[in-house]
Amino acid sequence: MKNKAPTPAITVFGIPNCDTVKKARLWLQDHGLAYHFHDFKKDGVPPNALARWMQAVGWEVLLNRKGTTLRKLDAALQASVTDAASAAALMQAQASVIKRPVVQWPDGRISVGFTPERFASLLP
């Protein structure tokens, strides 16, 4: 019986056509780092993960107020996002409003967004 390959310790959450997610994934590949990609469009946002991310970085960091998805929403809906609960509800319903990528690192740390310097500083 063959052993199942170990699951990569890095998980990248995002949308495959997002330019920032593409850059992050390419950086990981270029540095020989295995990772699992979790596609928000296909697989949704894991509710337990969203709560963990919000605890780690805060809902204000996770909510992408500069993105087109949020700006296209009704003004009243945008204005209704005032706390963690309302932000979580919107992020669960509209995954595209989450700033990307969200990365879970091997030591459990969570990062949001991408710069080569930031990723290098988070390597195990």
PDB file of N, CA and C in Angstrom:
ATOM      1  N   MET A   1       0.837  -1.180   0.000  1.00  0.00           N
ATOM      2  CA  MET A   1       0.000   0.000   0.000  1.00  0.00           C
ATOM      3  C   MET A   1       0.884   1.246   0.000  1.00  0.00           C
ATOM      4  N   LYS A   2       0.603   2.154  -0.906  1.00  0.00           N
ATOM      5  CA  LYS A   2       1.395   3.373  -1.008  1.00  0.00           C
ATOM      6  C   LYS A   2       0.961   4.371   0.053  1.00  0.00           C
ATOM      7  N   ASN A   3       1.946   5.084   0.553  1.00  0.00           N
ATOM      8  CA  ASN A   3       1.635   6.148   1.504  1.00  0.00           C
ATOM      9  C   ASN A   3       1.109   7.351   0.733  1.00  0.00           C
ATOM     10  N   LYS A   4       0.113   7.989   1.292  1.00  0.00           N
ATOM     11  CA  LYS A   4      -0.432   9.189   0.692  1.00  0.00           C
ATOM     12  C   LYS A   4       0.594  10.309   0.848  1.00  0.00           C
ATOM     13  N   ALA A   5       0.747  11.128  -0.184  1.00  0.00           N
ATOM     14  CA  ALA A   5       1.684  12.246  -0.107  1.00  0.00           C
ATOM     15  C   ALA A   5       1.237  13.207   0.981  1.00  0.00           C
ATOM     16  N   PRO A   6       2.180  13.757   1.729  1.00  0.00           N
ATOM     17  CA  PRO A   6       1.795  14.684   2.789  1.00  0.00           C
ATOM     18  C   PRO A   6       1.174  15.948   2.208  1.00  0.00           C
ATOM     19  N   THR A   7       0.223  16.487   2.928  1.00  0.00           N
ATOM     20  CA  THR A   7      -0.408  17.729   2.508  1.00  0.00           C
ATOM     21  C   THR A   7       0.581  18.862   2.718  1.00  0.00           C
ATOM     22  N   PRO A   8       0.739  19.742   1.730  1.00  0.00           N
ATOM     23  CA  PRO A   8       1.662  20.863   1.920  1.00  0.00           C
ATOM     24  C   PRO A   8       1.260  21.682   3.143  1.00  0.00           C
ATOM     25  N   ALA A   9       2.251  22.187   3.838  1.00  0.00           N
ATOM     26  CA  ALA A   9       2.007  22.911   5.070  1.00  0.00           C
ATOM     27  C   ALA A   9       1.526  24.339   4.827  1.00  0.00           C
ATOM     28  N   ILE A  10       1.670  24.843   3.600  1.00  0.00           N
ATOM     29  CA  ILE A  10       1.229  26.195   3.266  1.00  0.00           C
ATOM     30  C   ILE A  10      -0.079  26.081   2.498  1.00  0.00           C
ATOM     31  N   THR A  11      -1.065  26.854   2.901  1.00  0.00           N
ATOM     32  CA  THR A  11      -2.321  26.906   2.168  1.00  0.00           C
ATOM     33  C   THR A  11      -2.559  28.331   1.716  1.00  0.00           C
ATOM     34  N   VAL A  12      -2.791  28.478   0.411  1.00  0.00           N
ATOM     35  CA  VAL A  12      -3.076  29.774  -0.188  1.00  0.00           C
ATOM     36  C   VAL A  12      -4.563  29.807  -0.522  1.00  0.00           C
ATOM     37  N   PHE A  13      -5.267  30.787   0.027  1.00  0.00           N
ATOM     38  CA  PHE A  13      -6.689  30.958  -0.229  1.00  0.00           C
ATOM     39  C   PHE A  13      -6.868  32.167  -1.136  1.00  0.00           C
ATOM     40  N   GLY A  14      -7.694  32.004  -2.174  1.00  0.00           N
ATOM     41  CA  GLY A  14      -7.927  33.139  -3.055  1.00  0.00           C
ATOM     42  C   GLY A  14      -8.710  32.754  -4.282  1.00  0.00           C
ATOM     43  N   ILE A  15      -8.551  33.566  -5.308  1.00  0.00           N
ATOM     44  CA  ILE A  15      -9.235  33.391  -6.588  1.00  0.00           C
ATOM     45  C   ILE A  15      -8.147  33.270  -7.646  1.00  0.00           C
ATOM     46  N   PRO A  16      -8.223  32.240  -8.499  1.00  0.00           N
ATOM     47  CA  PRO A  16      -7.109  31.979  -9.419  1.00  0.00           C
ATOM     48  C   PRO A  16      -6.797  33.104 -10.405  1.00  0.00           C
ATOM     49  N   ASN A  17      -7.775  33.910 -10.785  1.00  0.00           N
ATOM     50  CA  ASN A  17      -7.505  34.959 -11.777  1.00  0.00           C
ATOM     51  C   ASN A  17      -7.089  36.287 -11.140  1.00  0.00           C
ATOM     52  N   CYS A  18      -6.952  36.329  -9.820  1.00  0.00           N
ATOM     53  CA  CYS A  18      -6.502  37.536  -9.119  1.00  0.00           C
ATOM     54  C   CYS A  18      -5.004  37.714  -9.362  1.00  0.00           C
ATOM     55  N   ASP A  19      -4.584  38.892  -9.825  1.00  0.00           N
ATOM     56  CA  ASP A  19      -3.175  39.132 -10.126  1.00  0.00           C
ATOM     57  C   ASP A  19      -2.276  38.957  -8.911  1.00  0.00           C
ATOM     58  N   THR A  20      -2.731  39.400  -7.751  1.00  0.00           N
ATOM     59  CA  THR A  20      -1.914  39.275  -6.546  1.00  0.00           C
ATOM     60  C   THR A  20      -1.770  37.813  -6.140  1.00  0.00           C
ATOM     61  N   VAL A  21      -2.828  37.042  -6.292  1.00  0.00           N
ATOM     62  CA  VAL A  21      -2.760  35.612  -5.995  1.00  0.00           C
ATOM     63  C   VAL A  21      -1.801  34.933  -6.974  1.00  0.00           C
ATOM     64  N   LYS A  22      -1.864  35.305  -8.239  1.00  0.00           N
ATOM     65  CA  LYS A  22      -0.943  34.737  -9.232  1.00  0.00           C
ATOM     66  C   LYS A  22       0.503  35.019  -8.853  1.00  0.00           C
ATOM     67  N   LYS A  23       0.790  36.246  -8.436  1.00  0.00           N
ATOM     68  CA  LYS A  23       2.158  36.613  -8.048  1.00  0.00           C
ATOM     69  C   LYS A  23       2.612  35.809  -6.829  1.00  0.00           C
ATOM     70  N   ALA A  24       1.726  35.655  -5.858  1.00  0.00           N
ATOM     71  CA  ALA A  24       2.070  34.907  -4.648  1.00  0.00           C
ATOM     72  C   ALA A  24       2.351  33.443  -4.972  1.00  0.00           C
ATOM     73  N   ARG A  25       1.503  32.851  -5.799  1.00  0.00           N
ATOM     74  CA  ARG A  25       1.693  31.439  -6.155  1.00  0.00           C
ATOM     75  C   ARG A  25       2.987  31.250  -6.936  1.00  0.00           C
ATOM     76  N   LEU A  26       3.278  32.163  -7.831  1.00  0.00           N
ATOM     77  CA  LEU A  26       4.514  32.083  -8.612  1.00  0.00           C
ATOM     78  C   LEU A  26       5.733  32.221  -7.694  1.00  0.00           C
ATOM     79  N   TRP A  27       5.656  33.122  -6.729  1.00  0.00           N
ATOM     80  CA  TRP A  27       6.756  33.303  -5.787  1.00  0.00           C
ATOM     81  C   TRP A  27       7.007  32.006  -5.018  1.00  0.00           C
ATOM     82  N   LEU A  28       5.945  31.381  -4.529  1.00  0.00           N
ATOM     83  CA  LEU A  28       6.093  30.113  -3.800  1.00  0.00           C
ATOM     84  C   LEU A  28       6.713  29.041  -4.694  1.00  0.00           C
ATOM     85  N   GLN A  29       6.227  28.942  -5.936  1.00  0.00           N
ATOM     86  CA  GLN A  29       6.782  27.958  -6.878  1.00  0.00           C
ATOM     87  C   GLN A  29       8.253  28.237  -7.142  1.00  0.00           C
ATOM     88  N   ASP A  30       8.593  29.498  -7.382  1.00  0.00           N
ATOM     89  CA  ASP A  30       9.978  29.871  -7.670  1.00  0.00           C
ATOM     90  C   ASP A  30      10.914  29.576  -6.502  1.00  0.00           C
ATOM     91  N   HIS A  31      10.370  29.524  -5.300  1.00  0.00           N
ATOM     92  CA  HIS A  31      11.173  29.233  -4.117  1.00  0.00           C
ATOM     93  C   HIS A  31      11.067  27.767  -3.696  1.00  0.00           C
ATOM     94  N   GLY A  32      10.478  26.940  -4.567  1.00  0.00           N
ATOM     95  CA  GLY A  32      10.410  25.504  -4.321  1.00  0.00           C
ATOM     96  C   GLY A  32       9.521  25.106  -3.160  1.00  0.00           C
ATOM     97  N   LEU A  33       8.530  25.921  -2.861  1.00  0.00           N
ATOM     98  CA  LEU A  33       7.662  25.647  -1.718  1.00  0.00           C
ATOM     99  C   LEU A  33       6.344  25.038  -2.174  1.00  0.00           C
ATOM    100  N   ALA A  34       6.050  23.865  -1.651  1.00  0.00           N
ATOM    101  CA  ALA A  34       4.781  23.209  -1.964  1.00  0.00           C
ATOM    102  C   ALA A  34       3.669  23.916  -1.200  1.00  0.00           C
ATOM    103  N   TYR A  35       2.523  24.023  -1.830  1.00  0.00           N
ATOM    104  CA  TYR A  35       1.383  24.646  -1.180  1.00  0.00           C
ATOM    105  C   TYR A  35       0.102  24.045  -1.723  1.00  0.00           C
ATOM    106  N   HIS A  36      -0.938  24.211  -0.962  1.00  0.00           N
ATOM    107  CA  HIS A  36      -2.276  23.819  -1.397  1.00  0.00           C
ATOM    108  C   HIS A  36      -3.017  25.108  -1.749  1.00  0.00           C
ATOM    109  N   PHE A  37      -3.712  25.112  -2.876  1.00  0.00           N
ATOM    110  CA  PHE A  37      -4.498  26.288  -3.253  1.00  0.00           C
ATOM    111  C   PHE A  37      -5.966  26.011  -3.003  1.00  0.00           C
ATOM    112  N   HIS A  38      -6.599  26.886  -2.260  1.00  0.00           N
ATOM    113  CA  HIS A  38      -8.032  26.793  -1.976  1.00  0.00           C
ATOM    114  C   HIS A  38      -8.724  27.908  -2.750  1.00  0.00           C
ATOM    115  N   ASP A  39      -9.518  27.512  -3.726  1.00  0.00           N
ATOM    116  CA  ASP A  39     -10.199  28.445  -4.624  1.00  0.00           C
ATOM    117  C   ASP A  39     -11.534  28.874  -4.014  1.00  0.00           C
ATOM    118  N   PHE A  40     -11.641  30.153  -3.666  1.00  0.00           N
ATOM    119  CA  PHE A  40     -12.889  30.674  -3.102  1.00  0.00           C
ATOM    120  C   PHE A  40     -14.072  30.465  -4.047  1.00  0.00           C
ATOM    121  N   LYS A  41     -13.840  30.598  -5.342  1.00  0.00           N
ATOM    122  CA  LYS A  41     -14.935  30.486  -6.308  1.00  0.00           C
ATOM    123  C   LYS A  41     -15.497  29.063  -6.358  1.00  0.00           C
ATOM    124  N   LYS A  42     -14.625  28.075  -6.310  1.00  0.00           N
ATOM    125  CA  LYS A  42     -15.060  26.676  -6.401  1.00  0.00           C
ATOM    126  C   LYS A  42     -15.413  26.079  -5.041  1.00  0.00           C
ATOM    127  N   ASP A  43     -14.624  26.418  -4.026  1.00  0.00           N
ATOM    128  CA  ASP A  43     -14.735  25.741  -2.743  1.00  0.00           C
ATOM    129  C   ASP A  43     -15.338  26.592  -1.627  1.00  0.00           C
ATOM    130  N   GLY A  44     -15.616  27.851  -1.915  1.00  0.00           N
ATOM    131  CA  GLY A  44     -16.191  28.728  -0.905  1.00  0.00           C
ATOM    132  C   GLY A  44     -15.187  29.123   0.161  1.00  0.00           C
ATOM    133  N   VAL A  45     -15.680  29.812   1.159  1.00  0.00           N
ATOM    134  CA  VAL A  45     -14.851  30.268   2.272  1.00  0.00           C
ATOM    135  C   VAL A  45     -15.148  29.364   3.469  1.00  0.00           C
ATOM    136  N   PRO A  46     -14.150  28.640   3.953  1.00  0.00           N
ATOM    137  CA  PRO A  46     -14.394  27.778   5.113  1.00  0.00           C
ATOM    138  C   PRO A  46     -14.773  28.626   6.328  1.00  0.00           C
ATOM    139  N   PRO A  47     -15.967  28.428   6.894  1.00  0.00           N
ATOM    140  CA  PRO A  47     -16.405  29.271   8.013  1.00  0.00           C
ATOM    141  C   PRO A  47     -15.451  29.260   9.202  1.00  0.00           C
ATOM    142  N   ASN A  48     -14.916  28.083   9.535  1.00  0.00           N
ATOM    143  CA  ASN A  48     -13.987  28.027  10.673  1.00  0.00           C
ATOM    144  C   ASN A  48     -12.689  28.762  10.354  1.00  0.00           C
ATOM    145  N   ALA A  49     -12.270  28.743   9.094  1.00  0.00           N
ATOM    146  CA  ALA A  49     -11.056  29.451   8.689  1.00  0.00           C
ATOM    147  C   ALA A  49     -11.286  30.959   8.751  1.00  0.00           C
ATOM    148  N   LEU A  50     -12.437  31.414   8.279  1.00  0.00           N
ATOM    149  CA  LEU A  50     -12.744  32.847   8.299  1.00  0.00           C
ATOM    150  C   LEU A  50     -12.673  33.386   9.726  1.00  0.00           C
ATOM    151  N   ALA A  51     -13.242  32.668  10.657  1.00  0.00           N
ATOM    152  CA  ALA A  51     -13.205  33.094  12.066  1.00  0.00           C
ATOM    153  C   ALA A  51     -11.760  33.158  12.570  1.00  0.00           C
ATOM    154  N   ARG A  52     -10.949  32.176  12.198  1.00  0.00           N
ATOM    155  CA  ARG A  52      -9.537  32.139  12.612  1.00  0.00           C
ATOM    156  C   ARG A  52      -8.774  33.321  12.008  1.00  0.00           C
ATOM    157  N   TRP A  53      -9.027  33.615  10.727  1.00  0.00           N
ATOM    158  CA  TRP A  53      -8.354  34.741  10.068  1.00  0.00           C
ATOM    159  C   TRP A  53      -8.733  36.058  10.729  1.00  0.00           C
ATOM    160  N   MET A  54     -10.020  36.197  11.013  1.00  0.00           N
ATOM    161  CA  MET A  54     -10.477  37.443  11.618  1.00  0.00           C
ATOM    162  C   MET A  54      -9.850  37.633  12.996  1.00  0.00           C
ATOM    163  N   GLN A  55      -9.697  36.550  13.730  1.00  0.00           N
ATOM    164  CA  GLN A  55      -9.063  36.630  15.044  1.00  0.00           C
ATOM    165  C   GLN A  55      -7.584  36.988  14.900  1.00  0.00           C
ATOM    166  N   ALA A  56      -6.932  36.430  13.872  1.00  0.00           N
ATOM    167  CA  ALA A  56      -5.492  36.636  13.698  1.00  0.00           C
ATOM    168  C   ALA A  56      -5.144  38.031  13.176  1.00  0.00           C
ATOM    169  N   VAL A  57      -5.912  38.531  12.204  1.00  0.00           N
ATOM    170  CA  VAL A  57      -5.526  39.797  11.558  1.00  0.00           C
ATOM    171  C   VAL A  57      -6.573  40.895  11.679  1.00  0.00           C
ATOM    172  N   GLY A  58      -7.777  40.553  12.095  1.00  0.00           N
ATOM    173  CA  GLY A  58      -8.841  41.549  12.207  1.00  0.00           C
ATOM    174  C   GLY A  58      -9.671  41.641  10.934  1.00  0.00           C
ATOM    175  N   TRP A  59     -10.950  41.897  11.105  1.00  0.00           N
ATOM    176  CA  TRP A  59     -11.836  41.956   9.943  1.00  0.00           C
ATOM    177  C   TRP A  59     -11.507  43.134   9.035  1.00  0.00           C
ATOM    178  N   GLU A  60     -10.969  44.213   9.605  1.00  0.00           N
ATOM    179  CA  GLU A  60     -10.648  45.393   8.805  1.00  0.00           C
ATOM    180  C   GLU A  60      -9.549  45.102   7.783  1.00  0.00           C
ATOM    181  N   VAL A  61      -8.613  44.219   8.155  1.00  0.00           N
ATOM    182  CA  VAL A  61      -7.533  43.837   7.242  1.00  0.00           C
ATOM    183  C   VAL A  61      -8.078  42.908   6.152  1.00  0.00           C
ATOM    184  N   LEU A  62      -8.956  42.000   6.532  1.00  0.00           N
ATOM    185  CA  LEU A  62      -9.498  41.026   5.574  1.00  0.00           C
ATOM    186  C   LEU A  62     -10.446  41.629   4.544  1.00  0.00           C
ATOM    187  N   LEU A  63     -11.201  42.628   4.946  1.00  0.00           N
ATOM    188  CA  LEU A  63     -12.188  43.218   4.048  1.00  0.00           C
ATOM    189  C   LEU A  63     -11.501  44.166   3.074  1.00  0.00           C
ATOM    190  N   ASN A  64     -11.580  43.849   1.793  1.00  0.00           N
ATOM    191  CA  ASN A  64     -10.921  44.643   0.764  1.00  0.00           C
ATOM    192  C   ASN A  64     -11.839  45.790   0.338  1.00  0.00           C
ATOM    193  N   ARG A  65     -11.711  46.907   1.011  1.00  0.00           N
ATOM    194  CA  ARG A  65     -12.561  48.068   0.707  1.00  0.00           C
ATOM    195  C   ARG A  65     -12.180  48.746  -0.606  1.00  0.00           C
ATOM    196  N   LYS A  66     -10.976  48.465  -1.126  1.00  0.00           N
ATOM    197  CA  LYS A  66     -10.520  49.082  -2.371  1.00  0.00           C
ATOM    198  C   LYS A  66     -10.910  48.272  -3.604  1.00  0.00           C
ATOM    199  N   GLY A  67     -11.361  47.054  -3.412  1.00  0.00           N
ATOM    200  CA  GLY A  67     -11.672  46.177  -4.539  1.00  0.00           C
ATOM    201  C   GLY A  67     -12.971  46.542  -5.235  1.00  0.00           C
ATOM    202  N   THR A  68     -13.070  46.117  -6.475  1.00  0.00           N
ATOM    203  CA  THR A  68     -14.264  46.443  -7.264  1.00  0.00           C
ATOM    204  C   THR A  68     -15.508  45.740  -6.746  1.00  0.00           C
ATOM    205  N   THR A  69     -15.367  44.558  -6.172  1.00  0.00           N
ATOM    206  CA  THR A  69     -16.550  43.825  -5.698  1.00  0.00           C
ATOM    207  C   THR A  69     -17.291  44.631  -4.646  1.00  0.00           C
ATOM    208  N   LEU A  70     -16.586  45.137  -3.666  1.00  0.00           N
ATOM    209  CA  LEU A  70     -17.243  45.909  -2.610  1.00  0.00           C
ATOM    210  C   LEU A  70     -17.809  47.215  -3.167  1.00  0.00           C
ATOM    211  N   ARG A  71     -17.060  47.869  -4.026  1.00  0.00           N
ATOM    212  CA  ARG A  71     -17.531  49.144  -4.583  1.00  0.00           C
ATOM    213  C   ARG A  71     -18.786  48.973  -5.440  1.00  0.00           C
ATOM    214  N   LYS A  72     -18.964  47.788  -6.028  1.00  0.00           N
ATOM    215  CA  LYS A  72     -20.142  47.547  -6.872  1.00  0.00           C
ATOM    216  C   LYS A  72     -21.396  47.230  -6.054  1.00  0.00           C
ATOM    217  N   LEU A  73     -21.215  46.930  -4.767  1.00  0.00           N
ATOM    218  CA  LEU A  73     -22.368  46.604  -3.932  1.00  0.00           C
ATOM    219  C   LEU A  73     -23.178  47.862  -3.628  1.00  0.00           C
ATOM    220  N   ASP A  74     -24.427  47.649  -3.332  1.00  0.00           N
ATOM    221  CA  ASP A  74     -25.324  48.724  -2.939  1.00  0.00           C
ATOM    222  C   ASP A  74     -24.710  49.529  -1.796  1.00  0.00           C
ATOM    223  N   ALA A  75     -24.863  50.845  -1.855  1.00  0.00           N
ATOM    224  CA  ALA A  75     -24.268  51.725  -0.845  1.00  0.00           C
ATOM    225  C   ALA A  75     -24.756  51.389   0.562  1.00  0.00           C
ATOM    226  N   ALA A  76     -26.011  51.023   0.691  1.00  0.00           N
ATOM    227  CA  ALA A  76     -26.550  50.676   2.007  1.00  0.00           C
ATOM    228  C   ALA A  76     -25.879  49.414   2.547  1.00  0.00           C
ATOM    229  N   LEU A  77     -25.635  48.441   1.661  1.00  0.00           N
ATOM    230  CA  LEU A  77     -24.955  47.213   2.085  1.00  0.00           C
ATOM    231  C   LEU A  77     -23.518  47.531   2.502  1.00  0.00           C
ATOM    232  N   GLN A  78     -22.841  48.362   1.734  1.00  0.00           N
ATOM    233  CA  GLN A  78     -21.478  48.763   2.087  1.00  0.00           C
ATOM    234  C   GLN A  78     -21.462  49.430   3.463  1.00  0.00           C
ATOM    235  N   ALA A  79     -22.408  50.326   3.688  1.00  0.00           N
ATOM    236  CA  ALA A  79     -22.467  51.066   4.944  1.00  0.00           C
ATOM    237  C   ALA A  79     -22.837  50.170   6.125  1.00  0.00           C
ATOM    238  N   SER A  80     -23.481  49.037   5.856  1.00  0.00           N
ATOM    239  CA  SER A  80     -23.913  48.150   6.931  1.00  0.00           C
ATOM    240  C   SER A  80     -22.764  47.331   7.522  1.00  0.00           C
ATOM    241  N   VAL A  81     -21.616  47.330   6.874  1.00  0.00           N
ATOM    242  CA  VAL A  81     -20.460  46.578   7.374  1.00  0.00           C
ATOM    243  C   VAL A  81     -19.724  47.461   8.380  1.00  0.00           C
ATOM    244  N   THR A  82     -20.050  47.250   9.645  1.00  0.00           N
ATOM    245  CA  THR A  82     -19.520  48.116  10.697  1.00  0.00           C
ATOM    246  C   THR A  82     -18.800  47.368  11.816  1.00  0.00           C
ATOM    247  N   ASP A  83     -18.870  46.034  11.781  1.00  0.00           N
ATOM    248  CA  ASP A  83     -18.232  45.259  12.847  1.00  0.00           C
ATOM    249  C   ASP A  83     -17.869  43.874  12.317  1.00  0.00           C
ATOM    250  N   ALA A  84     -17.272  43.075  13.190  1.00  0.00           N
ATOM    251  CA  ALA A  84     -16.809  41.745  12.783  1.00  0.00           C
ATOM    252  C   ALA A  84     -17.941  40.862  12.282  1.00  0.00           C
ATOM    253  N   ALA A  85     -19.091  40.909  12.931  1.00  0.00           N
ATOM    254  CA  ALA A  85     -20.205  40.046  12.537  1.00  0.00           C
ATOM    255  C   ALA A  85     -20.734  40.409  11.159  1.00  0.00           C
ATOM    256  N   SER A  86     -20.922  41.693  10.897  1.00  0.00           N
ATOM    257  CA  SER A  86     -21.441  42.105   9.587  1.00  0.00           C
ATOM    258  C   SER A  86     -20.399  41.870   8.488  1.00  0.00           C
ATOM    259  N   ALA A  87     -19.127  42.059   8.815  1.00  0.00           N
ATOM    260  CA  ALA A  87     -18.062  41.793   7.844  1.00  0.00           C
ATOM    261  C   ALA A  87     -17.990  40.305   7.519  1.00  0.00           C
ATOM    262  N   ALA A  88     -18.090  39.459   8.552  1.00  0.00           N
ATOM    263  CA  ALA A  88     -18.038  38.003   8.338  1.00  0.00           C
ATOM    264  C   ALA A  88     -19.196  37.544   7.462  1.00  0.00           C
ATOM    265  N   ALA A  89     -20.374  38.074   7.706  1.00  0.00           N
ATOM    266  CA  ALA A  89     -21.542  37.694   6.903  1.00  0.00           C
ATOM    267  C   ALA A  89     -21.329  38.068   5.447  1.00  0.00           C
ATOM    268  N   LEU A  90     -20.802  39.253   5.198  1.00  0.00           N
ATOM    269  CA  LEU A  90     -20.559  39.686   3.818  1.00  0.00           C
ATOM    270  C   LEU A  90     -19.459  38.841   3.171  1.00  0.00           C
ATOM    271  N   MET A  91     -18.387  38.565   3.893  1.00  0.00           N
ATOM    272  CA  MET A  91     -17.280  37.777   3.334  1.00  0.00           C
ATOM    273  C   MET A  91     -17.717  36.343   3.030  1.00  0.00           C
ATOM    274  N   GLN A  92     -18.612  35.801   3.853  1.00  0.00           N
ATOM    275  CA  GLN A  92     -19.138  34.454   3.591  1.00  0.00           C
ATOM    276  C   GLN A  92     -19.997  34.467   2.335  1.00  0.00           C
ATOM    277  N   ALA A  93     -20.793  35.512   2.161  1.00  0.00           N
ATOM    278  CA  ALA A  93     -21.714  35.596   1.022  1.00  0.00           C
ATOM    279  C   ALA A  93     -21.005  36.020  -0.270  1.00  0.00           C
ATOM    280  N   GLN A  94     -19.986  36.863  -0.152  1.00  0.00           N
ATOM    281  CA  GLN A  94     -19.272  37.417  -1.310  1.00  0.00           C
ATOM    282  C   GLN A  94     -17.768  37.260  -1.096  1.00  0.00           C
ATOM    283  N   ALA A  95     -17.247  36.094  -1.395  1.00  0.00           N
ATOM    284  CA  ALA A  95     -15.828  35.809  -1.126  1.00  0.00           C
ATOM    285  C   ALA A  95     -14.887  36.795  -1.812  1.00  0.00           C
ATOM    286  N   SER A  96     -15.339  37.405  -2.894  1.00  0.00           N
ATOM    287  CA  SER A  96     -14.479  38.330  -3.626  1.00  0.00           C
ATOM    288  C   SER A  96     -14.171  39.606  -2.856  1.00  0.00           C
ATOM    289  N   VAL A  97     -14.854  39.855  -1.737  1.00  0.00           N
ATOM    290  CA  VAL A  97     -14.549  41.047  -0.946  1.00  0.00           C
ATOM    291  C   VAL A  97     -13.407  40.790   0.037  1.00  0.00           C
ATOM    292  N   ILE A  98     -12.906  39.557   0.088  1.00  0.00           N
ATOM    293  CA  ILE A  98     -11.783  39.247   0.972  1.00  0.00           C
ATOM    294  C   ILE A  98     -10.486  39.639   0.266  1.00  0.00           C
ATOM    295  N   LYS A  99      -9.643  40.381   0.972  1.00  0.00           N
ATOM    296  CA  LYS A  99      -8.347  40.758   0.418  1.00  0.00           C
ATOM    297  C   LYS A  99      -7.534  39.488   0.209  1.00  0.00           C
ATOM    298  N   ARG A 100      -6.839  39.418  -0.912  1.00  0.00           N
ATOM    299  CA  ARG A 100      -6.152  38.190  -1.285  1.00  0.00           C
ATOM    300  C   ARG A 100      -4.666  38.429  -1.553  1.00  0.00           C
ATOM    301  N   PRO A 101      -3.929  37.317  -1.456  1.00  0.00           N
ATOM    302  CA  PRO A 101      -4.294  36.015  -0.914  1.00  0.00           C
ATOM    303  C   PRO A 101      -4.262  36.016   0.611  1.00  0.00           C
ATOM    304  N   VAL A 102      -5.011  35.093   1.167  1.00  0.00           N
ATOM    305  CA  VAL A 102      -4.881  34.776   2.586  1.00  0.00           C
ATOM    306  C   VAL A 102      -4.013  33.518   2.614  1.00  0.00           C
ATOM    307  N   VAL A 103      -2.962  33.545   3.389  1.00  0.00           N
ATOM    308  CA  VAL A 103      -2.046  32.398   3.443  1.00  0.00           C
ATOM    309  C   VAL A 103      -1.935  31.913   4.878  1.00  0.00           C
ATOM    310  N   GLN A 104      -2.108  30.602   5.023  1.00  0.00           N
ATOM    311  CA  GLN A 104      -1.847  29.963   6.313  1.00  0.00           C
ATOM    312  C   GLN A 104      -0.487  29.305   6.200  1.00  0.00           C
ATOM    313  N   TRP A 105       0.441  29.743   7.053  1.00  0.00           N
ATOM    314  CA  TRP A 105       1.811  29.266   7.032  1.00  0.00           C
ATOM    315  C   TRP A 105       1.964  28.041   7.924  1.00  0.00           C
ATOM    316  N   PRO A 106       3.052  27.288   7.766  1.00  0.00           N
ATOM    317  CA  PRO A 106       3.237  26.049   8.527  1.00  0.00           C
ATOM    318  C   PRO A 106       3.132  26.214  10.044  1.00  0.00           C
ATOM    319  N   ASP A 107       3.542  27.364  10.556  1.00  0.00           N
ATOM    320  CA  ASP A 107       3.490  27.570  12.013  1.00  0.00           C
ATOM    321  C   ASP A 107       2.144  28.117  12.474  1.00  0.00           C
ATOM    322  N   GLY A 108       1.178  28.200  11.545  1.00  0.00           N
ATOM    323  CA  GLY A 108      -0.156  28.653  11.910  1.00  0.00           C
ATOM    324  C   GLY A 108      -0.393  30.140  11.706  1.00  0.00           C
ATOM    325  N   ARG A 109       0.670  30.891  11.424  1.00  0.00           N
ATOM    326  CA  ARG A 109       0.480  32.327  11.179  1.00  0.00           C
ATOM    327  C   ARG A 109      -0.359  32.541   9.930  1.00  0.00           C
ATOM    328  N   ILE A 110      -1.050  33.665   9.911  1.00  0.00           N
ATOM    329  CA  ILE A 110      -1.903  34.041   8.784  1.00  0.00           C
ATOM    330  C   ILE A 110      -1.363  35.342   8.208  1.00  0.00           C
ATOM    331  N   SER A 111      -1.244  35.391   6.880  1.00  0.00           N
ATOM    332  CA  SER A 111      -0.890  36.654   6.229  1.00  0.00           C
ATOM    333  C   SER A 111      -1.956  36.972   5.190  1.00  0.00           C
ATOM    334  N   VAL A 112      -2.098  38.262   4.918  1.00  0.00           N
ATOM    335  CA  VAL A 112      -3.078  38.735   3.944  1.00  0.00           C
ATOM    336  C   VAL A 112      -2.353  39.655   2.975  1.00  0.00           C
ATOM    337  N   GLY A 113      -2.539  39.410   1.684  1.00  0.00           N
ATOM    338  CA  GLY A 113      -1.845  40.190   0.674  1.00  0.00           C
ATOM    339  C   GLY A 113      -0.508  39.546   0.328  1.00  0.00           C
ATOM    340  N   PHE A 114       0.212  40.205  -0.577  1.00  0.00           N
ATOM    341  CA  PHE A 114       1.493  39.639  -1.003  1.00  0.00           C
ATOM    342  C   PHE A 114       2.499  40.731  -1.307  1.00  0.00           C
ATOM    343  N   THR A 115       3.687  40.557  -0.778  1.00  0.00           N
ATOM    344  CA  THR A 115       4.903  41.213  -1.252  1.00  0.00           C
ATOM    345  C   THR A 115       6.000  40.175  -1.096  1.00  0.00           C
ATOM    346  N   PRO A 116       6.984  40.172  -1.984  1.00  0.00           N
ATOM    347  CA  PRO A 116       8.065  39.197  -1.853  1.00  0.00           C
ATOM    348  C   PRO A 116       8.771  39.298  -0.496  1.00  0.00           C
ATOM    349  N   GLU A 117       8.963  40.509  -0.006  1.00  0.00           N
ATOM    350  CA  GLU A 117       9.645  40.702   1.273  1.00  0.00           C
ATOM    351  C   GLU A 117       8.837  40.094   2.421  1.00  0.00           C
ATOM    352  N   ARG A 118       7.546  40.309   2.388  1.00  0.00           N
ATOM    353  CA  ARG A 118       6.693  39.772   3.465  1.00  0.00           C
ATOM    354  C   ARG A 118       6.714  38.250   3.446  1.00  0.00           C
ATOM    355  N   PHE A 119       6.573  37.651   2.260  1.00  0.00           N
ATOM    356  CA  PHE A 119       6.592  36.189   2.180  1.00  0.00           C
ATOM    357  C   PHE A 119       7.932  35.643   2.662  1.00  0.00           C
ATOM    358  N   ALA A 120       9.028  36.270   2.259  1.00  0.00           N
ATOM    359  CA  ALA A 120      10.354  35.809   2.681  1.00  0.00           C
ATOM    360  C   ALA A 120      10.484  35.850   4.193  1.00  0.00           C
ATOM    361  N   SER A 121       9.888  36.868   4.821  1.00  0.00           N
ATOM    362  CA  SER A 121       9.986  36.996   6.280  1.00  0.00           C
ATOM    363  C   SER A 121       9.126  35.946   7.000  1.00  0.00           C
ATOM    364  N   LEU A 122       8.166  35.355   6.317  1.00  0.00           N
ATOM    365  CA  LEU A 122       7.275  34.398   6.931  1.00  0.00           C
ATOM    366  C   LEU A 122       7.691  32.935   6.724  1.00  0.00           C
ATOM    367  N   LEU A 123       8.739  32.731   5.959  1.00  0.00           N
ATOM    368  CA  LEU A 123       9.183  31.367   5.704  1.00  0.00           C
ATOM    369  C   LEU A 123       9.625  30.697   6.997  1.00  0.00           C
ATOM    370  N   PRO A 124       9.350  29.387   7.076  1.00  0.00           N
ATOM    371  CA  PRO A 124       9.746  28.651   8.283  1.00  0.00           C
ATOM    372  C   PRO A 124      11.254  28.562   8.417  1.00  0.00           C
TER     373      PRO A 124
END
